[in-house]
Amino acid sequence: MKNNILPHEKEIYDCEKAISDILEQNTKRPLWSSEEIRKLQKKLQELKNQVYSNLTPSDRVSICRHSERPHTMDFIENIFTPFQPISGDRVFRDDPAMICGLGKIGSMKCAVVGLEKGKDTETRIKYNFGMAHPEGYRKALRCMQLAEKFSLPIIAFIDTPGAYPGLSAEERGQGWIIAKNLWEMARLKTPMIVVLIGEGCSGGALGIGIGDVIGMLEHAYYSVISPEGCSSILWKDASKSSDAAAALKMHVEDLLRWNIVDKMIPEPPGGAHHDPSVVYKNVTSFITSSWKGLKNISPQELVEKRYVKFRQMGINSI
């Protein structure tokens, strides 16, 4: 039995289970002809097309939060060979939520930073649900400055509900270090490629998100606040998160129109968790093609183009 069936997929799952039961029954005592089974499978495909072509913003949020969706460590393990992690911020401690290191895609050497959420209770606690502390952002900045020193491109994977909002993080300068990262990333004299792979919430996402090229998976979202947080503030009712998800315009179609992201990276029908290998291939293609377009730009021109890019965000929305 499949785990974590999403509400909009329940009818699909029921249909798949019925066909599976028929096929199993037919191995013992054939009652259904091949033609009848083909018709059922055709109806299943039509149902999938109908459901997946009419997803609501709320459905897409549930897809990008699916526990089996590929996370940062999955992308690192399937794209970068080898990968050498970097630990610690040289000030306080290591933050497991922020993954940093050096890796290769084919012959392309690069630095990698990314936020990891975890998949089950144990790993979610280990990675603090993808909510980095100040030391995580300091570690990321250390890695990015190392990349600049050796003229390596930086690849950033964003998947976070936001920076850790606890008192301990505020005491150690959470807002200050995110602001410092924004300032330093704007001036880095090396290419930076950003990939939104899941949730991209608030300053926690922006803390590693100033890129020359920004790609976004089809069902990821990028927003100043989560739908639940937005509905709690606007309507004093978290149950209105579906309305908030629609109002926030946080999916790739709107963000492309407003120049906030540069490219949509396709996912398999129903989301990345249905066939992660397709997503790894598409993200690899996005990274390598982006690198080809950036590698011959001089450092000074790169910084200027980055400045212009962010100044032009949102122009089409006016």
C-alpha atoms as a PDB file:
ATOM      1  CA  MET A   1       0.000   0.000   0.000  1.00  0.00           C
ATOM      2  CA  LYS A   2       1.255   3.462  -0.887  1.00  0.00           C
ATOM      3  CA  ASN A   3       2.060   5.893   1.892  1.00  0.00           C
ATOM      4  CA  ASN A   4       1.034   9.540   2.124  1.00  0.00           C
ATOM      5  CA  ILE A   5      -1.716   9.591  -0.488  1.00  0.00           C
ATOM      6  CA  LEU A   6      -2.625  13.236  -1.120  1.00  0.00           C
ATOM      7  CA  PRO A   7      -6.340  14.157  -1.008  1.00  0.00           C
ATOM      8  CA  HIS A   8      -6.543  14.987  -4.712  1.00  0.00           C
ATOM      9  CA  GLU A   9      -4.928  11.617  -5.570  1.00  0.00           C
ATOM     10  CA  LYS A  10      -7.301   9.394  -3.603  1.00  0.00           C
ATOM     11  CA  GLU A  11      -9.505   8.585  -6.618  1.00  0.00           C
ATOM     12  CA  ILE A  12      -6.401   7.749  -8.668  1.00  0.00           C
ATOM     13  CA  TYR A  13      -5.108   5.471  -5.917  1.00  0.00           C
ATOM     14  CA  ASP A  14      -8.474   3.680  -5.651  1.00  0.00           C
ATOM     15  CA  CYS A  15      -8.480   3.108  -9.420  1.00  0.00           C
ATOM     16  CA  GLU A  16      -4.883   1.843  -9.414  1.00  0.00           C
ATOM     17  CA  LYS A  17      -5.663  -0.534  -6.552  1.00  0.00           C
ATOM     18  CA  ALA A  18      -8.725  -1.902  -8.371  1.00  0.00           C
ATOM     19  CA  ILE A  19      -6.673  -2.584 -11.516  1.00  0.00           C
ATOM     20  CA  SER A  20      -3.904  -4.172  -9.432  1.00  0.00           C
ATOM     21  CA  ASP A  21      -6.426  -6.466  -7.746  1.00  0.00           C
ATOM     22  CA  ILE A  22      -7.862  -7.455 -11.137  1.00  0.00           C
ATOM     23  CA  LEU A  23      -4.397  -8.279 -12.506  1.00  0.00           C
ATOM     24  CA  GLU A  24      -3.597 -10.356  -9.427  1.00  0.00           C
ATOM     25  CA  GLN A  25      -6.917 -12.167  -9.689  1.00  0.00           C
ATOM     26  CA  ASN A  26      -6.329 -12.856 -13.384  1.00  0.00           C
ATOM     27  CA  THR A  27      -3.090 -14.690 -12.614  1.00  0.00           C
ATOM     28  CA  LYS A  28      -5.081 -17.232 -10.590  1.00  0.00           C
ATOM     29  CA  ARG A  29      -8.325 -17.319 -12.525  1.00  0.00           C
ATOM     30  CA  PRO A  30      -8.629 -15.255 -15.725  1.00  0.00           C
ATOM     31  CA  LEU A  31     -11.919 -13.367 -15.704  1.00  0.00           C
ATOM     32  CA  TRP A  32     -10.961 -10.157 -17.494  1.00  0.00           C
ATOM     33  CA  SER A  33      -9.804 -10.040 -21.091  1.00  0.00           C
ATOM     34  CA  SER A  34      -6.715  -8.110 -22.183  1.00  0.00           C
ATOM     35  CA  GLU A  35      -8.949  -5.662 -24.012  1.00  0.00           C
ATOM     36  CA  GLU A  36     -11.015  -4.965 -20.893  1.00  0.00           C
ATOM     37  CA  ILE A  37      -7.860  -4.381 -18.856  1.00  0.00           C
ATOM     38  CA  ARG A  38      -6.505  -2.009 -21.518  1.00  0.00           C
ATOM     39  CA  LYS A  39      -9.741  -0.014 -21.331  1.00  0.00           C
ATOM     40  CA  LEU A  40      -9.420   0.250 -17.547  1.00  0.00           C
ATOM     41  CA  GLN A  41      -5.817   1.392 -17.852  1.00  0.00           C
ATOM     42  CA  LYS A  42      -6.840   3.980 -20.438  1.00  0.00           C
ATOM     43  CA  LYS A  43      -9.513   5.295 -18.062  1.00  0.00           C
ATOM     44  CA  LEU A  44      -6.889   5.477 -15.307  1.00  0.00           C
ATOM     45  CA  GLN A  45      -4.623   7.561 -17.532  1.00  0.00           C
ATOM     46  CA  GLU A  46      -7.520   9.858 -18.441  1.00  0.00           C
ATOM     47  CA  LEU A  47      -8.287  10.279 -14.733  1.00  0.00           C
ATOM     48  CA  LYS A  48      -4.659  11.186 -14.015  1.00  0.00           C
ATOM     49  CA  ASN A  49      -4.643  13.718 -16.850  1.00  0.00           C
ATOM     50  CA  GLN A  50      -7.833  15.280 -15.538  1.00  0.00           C
ATOM     51  CA  VAL A  51      -6.668  15.476 -11.911  1.00  0.00           C
ATOM     52  CA  TYR A  52      -3.128  16.661 -12.615  1.00  0.00           C
ATOM     53  CA  SER A  53      -4.215  19.312 -15.117  1.00  0.00           C
ATOM     54  CA  ASN A  54      -6.646  20.877 -12.618  1.00  0.00           C
ATOM     55  CA  LEU A  55      -4.505  21.185  -9.509  1.00  0.00           C
ATOM     56  CA  THR A  56      -5.349  24.062  -7.184  1.00  0.00           C
ATOM     57  CA  PRO A  57      -2.607  26.184  -5.540  1.00  0.00           C
ATOM     58  CA  SER A  58      -3.370  24.339  -2.299  1.00  0.00           C
ATOM     59  CA  ASP A  59      -2.921  20.962  -4.042  1.00  0.00           C
ATOM     60  CA  ARG A  60       0.466  22.090  -5.305  1.00  0.00           C
ATOM     61  CA  VAL A  61       1.529  23.166  -1.816  1.00  0.00           C
ATOM     62  CA  SER A  62       0.697  19.671  -0.548  1.00  0.00           C
ATOM     63  CA  ILE A  63       2.766  18.197  -3.402  1.00  0.00           C
ATOM     64  CA  CYS A  64       5.817  20.279  -2.552  1.00  0.00           C
ATOM     65  CA  ARG A  65       5.543  19.215   1.102  1.00  0.00           C
ATOM     66  CA  HIS A  66       5.168  15.509   0.352  1.00  0.00           C
ATOM     67  CA  SER A  67       7.488  13.488   2.572  1.00  0.00           C
ATOM     68  CA  GLU A  68       8.744  11.416  -0.380  1.00  0.00           C
ATOM     69  CA  ARG A  69       9.597  14.449  -2.481  1.00  0.00           C
ATOM     70  CA  PRO A  70      13.342  14.697  -3.202  1.00  0.00           C
ATOM     71  CA  HIS A  71      15.151  16.969  -0.764  1.00  0.00           C
ATOM     72  CA  THR A  72      18.525  18.689  -0.919  1.00  0.00           C
ATOM     73  CA  MET A  73      20.520  15.619   0.156  1.00  0.00           C
ATOM     74  CA  ASP A  74      18.774  13.553  -2.534  1.00  0.00           C
ATOM     75  CA  PHE A  75      19.802  16.038  -5.208  1.00  0.00           C
ATOM     76  CA  ILE A  76      23.361  16.132  -3.914  1.00  0.00           C
ATOM     77  CA  GLU A  77      23.650  12.343  -3.860  1.00  0.00           C
ATOM     78  CA  ASN A  78      22.196  11.951  -7.359  1.00  0.00           C
ATOM     79  CA  ILE A  79      23.783  14.913  -9.156  1.00  0.00           C
ATOM     80  CA  PHE A  80      27.184  15.660  -7.609  1.00  0.00           C
ATOM     81  CA  THR A  81      29.993  13.111  -7.825  1.00  0.00           C
ATOM     82  CA  PRO A  82      31.951  13.392  -5.639  1.00  0.00           C
ATOM     83  CA  PHE A  83      30.675  15.715  -2.875  1.00  0.00           C
ATOM     84  CA  GLN A  84      32.830  16.860   0.035  1.00  0.00           C
ATOM     85  CA  PRO A  85      30.834  18.463   2.873  1.00  0.00           C
ATOM     86  CA  ILE A  86      31.974  21.532   4.802  1.00  0.00           C
ATOM     87  CA  SER A  87      31.038  21.812   8.470  1.00  0.00           C
ATOM     88  CA  GLY A  88      30.875  24.641  10.972  1.00  0.00           C
ATOM     89  CA  ASP A  89      30.761  28.436  10.802  1.00  0.00           C
ATOM     90  CA  ARG A  90      34.037  28.992  12.721  1.00  0.00           C
ATOM     91  CA  VAL A  91      32.111  31.075  15.267  1.00  0.00           C
ATOM     92  CA  PHE A  92      29.585  28.954  17.185  1.00  0.00           C
ATOM     93  CA  ARG A  93      28.794  25.454  15.855  1.00  0.00           C
ATOM     94  CA  ASP A  94      27.714  23.416  12.842  1.00  0.00           C
ATOM     95  CA  ASP A  95      24.087  23.692  11.716  1.00  0.00           C
ATOM     96  CA  PRO A  96      22.857  20.420  10.135  1.00  0.00           C
ATOM     97  CA  ALA A  97      19.918  22.207   8.451  1.00  0.00           C
ATOM     98  CA  MET A  98      22.329  23.987   6.097  1.00  0.00           C
ATOM     99  CA  ILE A  99      24.217  21.600   3.817  1.00  0.00           C
ATOM    100  CA  CYS A 100      27.427  23.015   2.356  1.00  0.00           C
ATOM    101  CA  GLY A 101      30.292  21.513   0.415  1.00  0.00           C
ATOM    102  CA  LEU A 102      32.266  21.143  -2.793  1.00  0.00           C
ATOM    103  CA  GLY A 103      31.233  18.888  -5.644  1.00  0.00           C
ATOM    104  CA  LYS A 104      31.363  18.128  -9.357  1.00  0.00           C
ATOM    105  CA  ILE A 105      28.830  17.669 -12.121  1.00  0.00           C
ATOM    106  CA  GLY A 106      30.810  15.942 -14.838  1.00  0.00           C
ATOM    107  CA  SER A 107      33.829  18.205 -15.323  1.00  0.00           C
ATOM    108  CA  MET A 108      32.154  21.206 -13.684  1.00  0.00           C
ATOM    109  CA  LYS A 109      33.557  21.918 -10.212  1.00  0.00           C
ATOM    110  CA  CYS A 110      31.303  23.917  -7.906  1.00  0.00           C
ATOM    111  CA  ALA A 111      30.313  24.849  -4.379  1.00  0.00           C
ATOM    112  CA  VAL A 112      26.931  23.680  -3.087  1.00  0.00           C
ATOM    113  CA  VAL A 113      24.722  25.183  -0.389  1.00  0.00           C
ATOM    114  CA  GLY A 114      21.221  23.993   0.458  1.00  0.00           C
ATOM    115  CA  LEU A 115      18.567  23.650   3.128  1.00  0.00           C
ATOM    116  CA  GLU A 116      17.613  20.116   4.168  1.00  0.00           C
ATOM    117  CA  LYS A 117      14.245  19.311   5.820  1.00  0.00           C
ATOM    118  CA  GLY A 118      14.470  15.565   6.469  1.00  0.00           C
ATOM    119  CA  LYS A 119      11.951  12.852   5.573  1.00  0.00           C
ATOM    120  CA  ASP A 120      10.900  11.153   8.797  1.00  0.00           C
ATOM    121  CA  THR A 121      10.668  12.095  12.453  1.00  0.00           C
ATOM    122  CA  GLU A 122      14.299  11.298  13.221  1.00  0.00           C
ATOM    123  CA  THR A 123      15.802  13.204  10.285  1.00  0.00           C
ATOM    124  CA  ARG A 124      13.373  16.121  10.592  1.00  0.00           C
ATOM    125  CA  ILE A 125      14.500  16.641  14.166  1.00  0.00           C
ATOM    126  CA  LYS A 126      18.141  16.314  13.092  1.00  0.00           C
ATOM    127  CA  TYR A 127      17.730  18.958  10.379  1.00  0.00           C
ATOM    128  CA  ASN A 128      15.323  21.104  12.434  1.00  0.00           C
ATOM    129  CA  PHE A 129      12.662  20.769   9.706  1.00  0.00           C
ATOM    130  CA  GLY A 130      14.838  22.784   7.310  1.00  0.00           C
ATOM    131  CA  MET A 131      14.869  25.879   9.528  1.00  0.00           C
ATOM    132  CA  ALA A 132      18.454  27.109   9.736  1.00  0.00           C
ATOM    133  CA  HIS A 133      19.980  28.985  12.667  1.00  0.00           C
ATOM    134  CA  PRO A 134      22.341  31.981  12.263  1.00  0.00           C
ATOM    135  CA  GLU A 135      25.334  29.634  12.237  1.00  0.00           C
ATOM    136  CA  GLY A 136      23.810  27.881   9.211  1.00  0.00           C
ATOM    137  CA  TYR A 137      23.742  31.105   7.221  1.00  0.00           C
ATOM    138  CA  ARG A 138      27.280  31.934   8.371  1.00  0.00           C
ATOM    139  CA  LYS A 139      28.387  28.494   7.182  1.00  0.00           C
ATOM    140  CA  ALA A 140      26.705  29.097   3.817  1.00  0.00           C
ATOM    141  CA  LEU A 141      28.429  32.468   3.467  1.00  0.00           C
ATOM    142  CA  ARG A 142      31.769  30.881   4.350  1.00  0.00           C
ATOM    143  CA  CYS A 143      31.217  28.301   1.584  1.00  0.00           C
ATOM    144  CA  MET A 144      30.163  30.930  -0.956  1.00  0.00           C
ATOM    145  CA  GLN A 145      33.171  33.128  -0.225  1.00  0.00           C
ATOM    146  CA  LEU A 146      35.418  30.087  -0.598  1.00  0.00           C
ATOM    147  CA  ALA A 147      33.847  29.508  -4.016  1.00  0.00           C
ATOM    148  CA  GLU A 148      34.538  33.103  -4.997  1.00  0.00           C
ATOM    149  CA  LYS A 149      38.168  32.772  -3.914  1.00  0.00           C
ATOM    150  CA  PHE A 150      38.692  29.788  -6.246  1.00  0.00           C
ATOM    151  CA  SER A 151      36.388  31.026  -9.051  1.00  0.00           C
ATOM    152  CA  LEU A 152      33.876  28.210  -8.576  1.00  0.00           C
ATOM    153  CA  PRO A 153      30.186  28.579  -9.441  1.00  0.00           C
ATOM    154  CA  ILE A 154      27.757  28.289  -6.528  1.00  0.00           C
ATOM    155  CA  ILE A 155      24.684  26.027  -6.670  1.00  0.00           C
ATOM    156  CA  ALA A 156      22.002  26.753  -4.057  1.00  0.00           C
ATOM    157  CA  PHE A 157      19.033  24.493  -3.262  1.00  0.00           C
ATOM    158  CA  ILE A 158      16.124  26.150  -1.451  1.00  0.00           C
ATOM    159  CA  ASP A 159      13.608  24.123   0.539  1.00  0.00           C
ATOM    160  CA  THR A 160      12.583  25.681   3.846  1.00  0.00           C
ATOM    161  CA  PRO A 161       9.478  26.860   5.726  1.00  0.00           C
ATOM    162  CA  GLY A 162      11.643  29.758   6.942  1.00  0.00           C
ATOM    163  CA  ALA A 163      14.633  30.536   9.119  1.00  0.00           C
ATOM    164  CA  TYR A 164      14.376  29.239  12.691  1.00  0.00           C
ATOM    165  CA  PRO A 165      12.219  31.801  14.601  1.00  0.00           C
ATOM    166  CA  GLY A 166      13.216  30.830  18.144  1.00  0.00           C
ATOM    167  CA  LEU A 167      14.626  33.118  20.819  1.00  0.00           C
ATOM    168  CA  SER A 168      18.075  31.507  20.655  1.00  0.00           C
ATOM    169  CA  ALA A 169      18.347  32.323  16.955  1.00  0.00           C
ATOM    170  CA  GLU A 170      17.293  35.925  17.534  1.00  0.00           C
ATOM    171  CA  GLU A 171      19.830  36.246  20.336  1.00  0.00           C
ATOM    172  CA  ARG A 172      22.566  35.140  17.941  1.00  0.00           C
ATOM    173  CA  GLY A 173      21.569  37.619  15.222  1.00  0.00           C
ATOM    174  CA  GLN A 174      19.266  35.756  12.843  1.00  0.00           C
ATOM    175  CA  GLY A 175      18.018  38.873  11.049  1.00  0.00           C
ATOM    176  CA  TRP A 176      21.475  40.404  10.906  1.00  0.00           C
ATOM    177  CA  ILE A 177      23.188  37.401   9.321  1.00  0.00           C
ATOM    178  CA  ILE A 178      20.454  36.994   6.689  1.00  0.00           C
ATOM    179  CA  ALA A 179      20.828  40.686   5.812  1.00  0.00           C
ATOM    180  CA  LYS A 180      24.613  40.265   5.669  1.00  0.00           C
ATOM    181  CA  ASN A 181      24.231  37.276   3.341  1.00  0.00           C
ATOM    182  CA  LEU A 182      22.029  39.325   1.012  1.00  0.00           C
ATOM    183  CA  TRP A 183      24.649  42.092   0.941  1.00  0.00           C
ATOM    184  CA  GLU A 184      27.547  39.713   0.339  1.00  0.00           C
ATOM    185  CA  MET A 185      25.750  37.553  -2.269  1.00  0.00           C
ATOM    186  CA  ALA A 186      24.912  40.677  -4.267  1.00  0.00           C
ATOM    187  CA  ARG A 187      28.660  41.349  -4.576  1.00  0.00           C
ATOM    188  CA  LEU A 188      30.058  37.844  -5.110  1.00  0.00           C
ATOM    189  CA  LYS A 189      32.287  37.795  -8.185  1.00  0.00           C
ATOM    190  CA  THR A 190      31.390  34.268  -9.186  1.00  0.00           C
ATOM    191  CA  PRO A 191      28.265  32.796 -10.838  1.00  0.00           C
ATOM    192  CA  MET A 192      25.421  31.751  -8.558  1.00  0.00           C
ATOM    193  CA  ILE A 193      22.664  29.385  -9.711  1.00  0.00           C
ATOM    194  CA  VAL A 194      19.626  28.958  -7.460  1.00  0.00           C
ATOM    195  CA  VAL A 195      17.152  26.055  -7.618  1.00  0.00           C
ATOM    196  CA  LEU A 196      13.865  26.180  -5.691  1.00  0.00           C
ATOM    197  CA  ILE A 197      13.073  22.522  -5.061  1.00  0.00           C
ATOM    198  CA  GLY A 198      10.260  22.760  -2.485  1.00  0.00           C
ATOM    199  CA  GLU A 199       9.168  25.428  -0.036  1.00  0.00           C
ATOM    200  CA  GLY A 200      10.788  28.835  -0.354  1.00  0.00           C
ATOM    201  CA  CYS A 201       9.563  30.890   2.573  1.00  0.00           C
ATOM    202  CA  SER A 202      10.571  34.338   3.764  1.00  0.00           C
ATOM    203  CA  GLY A 203      14.107  35.421   4.643  1.00  0.00           C
ATOM    204  CA  GLY A 204      15.071  31.830   5.331  1.00  0.00           C
ATOM    205  CA  ALA A 205      14.939  31.223   1.581  1.00  0.00           C
ATOM    206  CA  LEU A 206      16.426  34.574   0.579  1.00  0.00           C
ATOM    207  CA  GLY A 207      19.425  33.967   2.845  1.00  0.00           C
ATOM    208  CA  ILE A 208      20.949  31.761   0.122  1.00  0.00           C
ATOM    209  CA  GLY A 209      18.775  32.916  -2.796  1.00  0.00           C
ATOM    210  CA  ILE A 210      20.463  35.830  -4.576  1.00  0.00           C
ATOM    211  CA  GLY A 211      21.263  34.165  -7.902  1.00  0.00           C
ATOM    212  CA  ASP A 212      22.267  35.116 -11.424  1.00  0.00           C
ATOM    213  CA  VAL A 213      19.849  32.466 -12.684  1.00  0.00           C
ATOM    214  CA  ILE A 214      16.932  31.203 -10.596  1.00  0.00           C
ATOM    215  CA  GLY A 215      15.128  28.006 -11.550  1.00  0.00           C
ATOM    216  CA  MET A 216      12.052  26.604  -9.864  1.00  0.00           C
ATOM    217  CA  LEU A 217      10.529  23.150  -9.867  1.00  0.00           C
ATOM    218  CA  GLU A 218       7.012  23.078 -11.265  1.00  0.00           C
ATOM    219  CA  HIS A 219       5.243  22.524  -7.931  1.00  0.00           C
ATOM    220  CA  ALA A 220       7.609  24.398  -5.620  1.00  0.00           C
ATOM    221  CA  TYR A 221       6.490  27.690  -4.130  1.00  0.00           C
ATOM    222  CA  TYR A 222       8.290  30.941  -3.282  1.00  0.00           C
ATOM    223  CA  SER A 223       6.634  33.369  -0.913  1.00  0.00           C
ATOM    224  CA  VAL A 224       7.141  35.936   1.802  1.00  0.00           C
ATOM    225  CA  ILE A 225       5.055  33.737   4.115  1.00  0.00           C
ATOM    226  CA  SER A 226       3.432  30.311   4.204  1.00  0.00           C
ATOM    227  CA  PRO A 227      -0.274  30.037   3.284  1.00  0.00           C
ATOM    228  CA  GLU A 228      -1.095  29.055   6.878  1.00  0.00           C
ATOM    229  CA  GLY A 229       0.794  32.031   8.287  1.00  0.00           C
ATOM    230  CA  CYS A 230      -0.841  34.382   5.806  1.00  0.00           C
ATOM    231  CA  SER A 231      -4.381  33.170   6.571  1.00  0.00           C
ATOM    232  CA  SER A 232      -3.737  33.398  10.327  1.00  0.00           C
ATOM    233  CA  ILE A 233      -2.703  37.044   9.950  1.00  0.00           C
ATOM    234  CA  LEU A 234      -5.277  38.209   7.394  1.00  0.00           C
ATOM    235  CA  TRP A 235      -8.332  36.213   8.470  1.00  0.00           C
ATOM    236  CA  LYS A 236      -7.323  35.068  11.973  1.00  0.00           C
ATOM    237  CA  ASP A 237      -8.161  31.596  10.677  1.00  0.00           C
ATOM    238  CA  ALA A 238      -5.524  29.066   9.577  1.00  0.00           C
ATOM    239  CA  SER A 239      -8.219  26.981   7.880  1.00  0.00           C
ATOM    240  CA  LYS A 240      -8.361  29.590   5.104  1.00  0.00           C
ATOM    241  CA  SER A 241      -4.902  28.571   3.910  1.00  0.00           C
ATOM    242  CA  SER A 242      -6.356  27.464   0.546  1.00  0.00           C
ATOM    243  CA  ASP A 243      -7.574  31.007  -0.086  1.00  0.00           C
ATOM    244  CA  ALA A 244      -4.190  32.363   0.960  1.00  0.00           C
ATOM    245  CA  ALA A 245      -2.335  29.961  -1.348  1.00  0.00           C
ATOM    246  CA  ALA A 246      -4.355  31.271  -4.298  1.00  0.00           C
ATOM    247  CA  ALA A 247      -4.010  34.936  -3.299  1.00  0.00           C
ATOM    248  CA  LEU A 248      -0.251  34.860  -2.722  1.00  0.00           C
ATOM    249  CA  LYS A 249       0.523  34.036  -6.403  1.00  0.00           C
ATOM    250  CA  MET A 250       3.540  32.054  -5.237  1.00  0.00           C
ATOM    251  CA  HIS A 251       3.861  29.439  -7.970  1.00  0.00           C
ATOM    252  CA  VAL A 252       6.150  29.490 -10.941  1.00  0.00           C
ATOM    253  CA  GLU A 253       3.689  30.776 -13.559  1.00  0.00           C
ATOM    254  CA  ASP A 254       3.165  34.073 -11.700  1.00  0.00           C
ATOM    255  CA  LEU A 255       6.794  34.378 -10.608  1.00  0.00           C
ATOM    256  CA  LEU A 256       7.991  34.042 -14.206  1.00  0.00           C
ATOM    257  CA  ARG A 257       5.626  36.821 -15.256  1.00  0.00           C
ATOM    258  CA  TRP A 258       7.037  39.100 -12.557  1.00  0.00           C
ATOM    259  CA  ASN A 259      10.710  38.309 -13.328  1.00  0.00           C
ATOM    260  CA  ILE A 260      11.253  36.773  -9.879  1.00  0.00           C
ATOM    261  CA  VAL A 261      12.430  33.439 -11.306  1.00  0.00           C
ATOM    262  CA  ASP A 262      13.912  32.680 -14.715  1.00  0.00           C
ATOM    263  CA  LYS A 263      12.861  29.148 -15.592  1.00  0.00           C
ATOM    264  CA  MET A 264      10.346  26.464 -14.705  1.00  0.00           C
ATOM    265  CA  ILE A 265      11.910  23.017 -14.249  1.00  0.00           C
ATOM    266  CA  PRO A 266       9.310  20.357 -15.180  1.00  0.00           C
ATOM    267  CA  GLU A 267       8.234  17.602 -12.795  1.00  0.00           C
ATOM    268  CA  PRO A 268       6.609  14.260 -13.658  1.00  0.00           C
ATOM    269  CA  PRO A 269       2.777  14.240 -13.638  1.00  0.00           C
ATOM    270  CA  GLY A 270       1.617  14.485 -10.030  1.00  0.00           C
ATOM    271  CA  GLY A 271       4.904  15.768  -8.659  1.00  0.00           C
ATOM    272  CA  ALA A 272       8.580  14.950  -8.214  1.00  0.00           C
ATOM    273  CA  HIS A 273       7.923  12.150  -5.718  1.00  0.00           C
ATOM    274  CA  HIS A 274       6.343  10.016  -8.467  1.00  0.00           C
ATOM    275  CA  ASP A 275       9.622   9.748 -10.419  1.00  0.00           C
ATOM    276  CA  PRO A 276      12.599  11.527  -8.787  1.00  0.00           C
ATOM    277  CA  SER A 277      15.013  10.375 -11.515  1.00  0.00           C
ATOM    278  CA  VAL A 278      13.247  12.638 -14.024  1.00  0.00           C
ATOM    279  CA  VAL A 279      13.669  15.611 -11.714  1.00  0.00           C
ATOM    280  CA  TYR A 280      17.370  14.900 -11.095  1.00  0.00           C
ATOM    281  CA  LYS A 281      17.900  14.837 -14.852  1.00  0.00           C
ATOM    282  CA  ASN A 282      15.961  18.080 -15.407  1.00  0.00           C
ATOM    283  CA  VAL A 283      17.749  19.913 -12.589  1.00  0.00           C
ATOM    284  CA  THR A 284      21.138  18.726 -13.858  1.00  0.00           C
ATOM    285  CA  SER A 285      20.268  20.032 -17.312  1.00  0.00           C
ATOM    286  CA  PHE A 286      19.179  23.382 -15.848  1.00  0.00           C
ATOM    287  CA  ILE A 287      22.396  23.770 -13.849  1.00  0.00           C
ATOM    288  CA  THR A 288      24.744  22.851 -16.697  1.00  0.00           C
ATOM    289  CA  SER A 289      22.944  25.016 -19.272  1.00  0.00           C
ATOM    290  CA  SER A 290      22.899  27.974 -16.843  1.00  0.00           C
ATOM    291  CA  TRP A 291      26.615  27.518 -16.188  1.00  0.00           C
ATOM    292  CA  LYS A 292      27.360  27.588 -19.908  1.00  0.00           C
ATOM    293  CA  GLY A 293      25.598  30.930 -20.166  1.00  0.00           C
ATOM    294  CA  LEU A 294      27.443  32.441 -17.201  1.00  0.00           C
ATOM    295  CA  LYS A 295      30.989  31.088 -17.271  1.00  0.00           C
ATOM    296  CA  ASN A 296      32.337  33.519 -19.879  1.00  0.00           C
ATOM    297  CA  ILE A 297      30.929  36.659 -18.250  1.00  0.00           C
ATOM    298  CA  SER A 298      33.542  38.789 -16.471  1.00  0.00           C
ATOM    299  CA  PRO A 299      33.195  39.127 -12.676  1.00  0.00           C
ATOM    300  CA  GLN A 300      32.457  42.854 -12.895  1.00  0.00           C
ATOM    301  CA  GLU A 301      29.752  42.379 -15.518  1.00  0.00           C
ATOM    302  CA  LEU A 302      28.310  39.470 -13.548  1.00  0.00           C
ATOM    303  CA  VAL A 303      27.806  41.640 -10.458  1.00  0.00           C
ATOM    304  CA  GLU A 304      26.274  44.442 -12.534  1.00  0.00           C
ATOM    305  CA  LYS A 305      23.860  42.067 -14.284  1.00  0.00           C
ATOM    306  CA  ARG A 306      22.840  40.616 -10.917  1.00  0.00           C
ATOM    307  CA  TYR A 307      22.098  44.097  -9.600  1.00  0.00           C
ATOM    308  CA  VAL A 308      19.987  44.962 -12.657  1.00  0.00           C
ATOM    309  CA  LYS A 309      18.169  41.624 -12.462  1.00  0.00           C
ATOM    310  CA  PHE A 310      16.951  42.232  -8.915  1.00  0.00           C
ATOM    311  CA  ARG A 311      16.085  45.889  -9.632  1.00  0.00           C
ATOM    312  CA  GLN A 312      13.781  44.729 -12.423  1.00  0.00           C
ATOM    313  CA  MET A 313      11.865  42.170 -10.370  1.00  0.00           C
ATOM    314  CA  GLY A 314       8.147  42.854 -10.238  1.00  0.00           C
ATOM    315  CA  ILE A 315       8.100  45.430 -13.042  1.00  0.00           C
ATOM    316  CA  ASN A 316       5.478  43.491 -15.027  1.00  0.00           C
ATOM    317  CA  SER A 317       3.185  43.384 -11.994  1.00  0.00           C
ATOM    318  CA  ILE A 318       2.719  47.185 -11.900  1.00  0.00           C
END
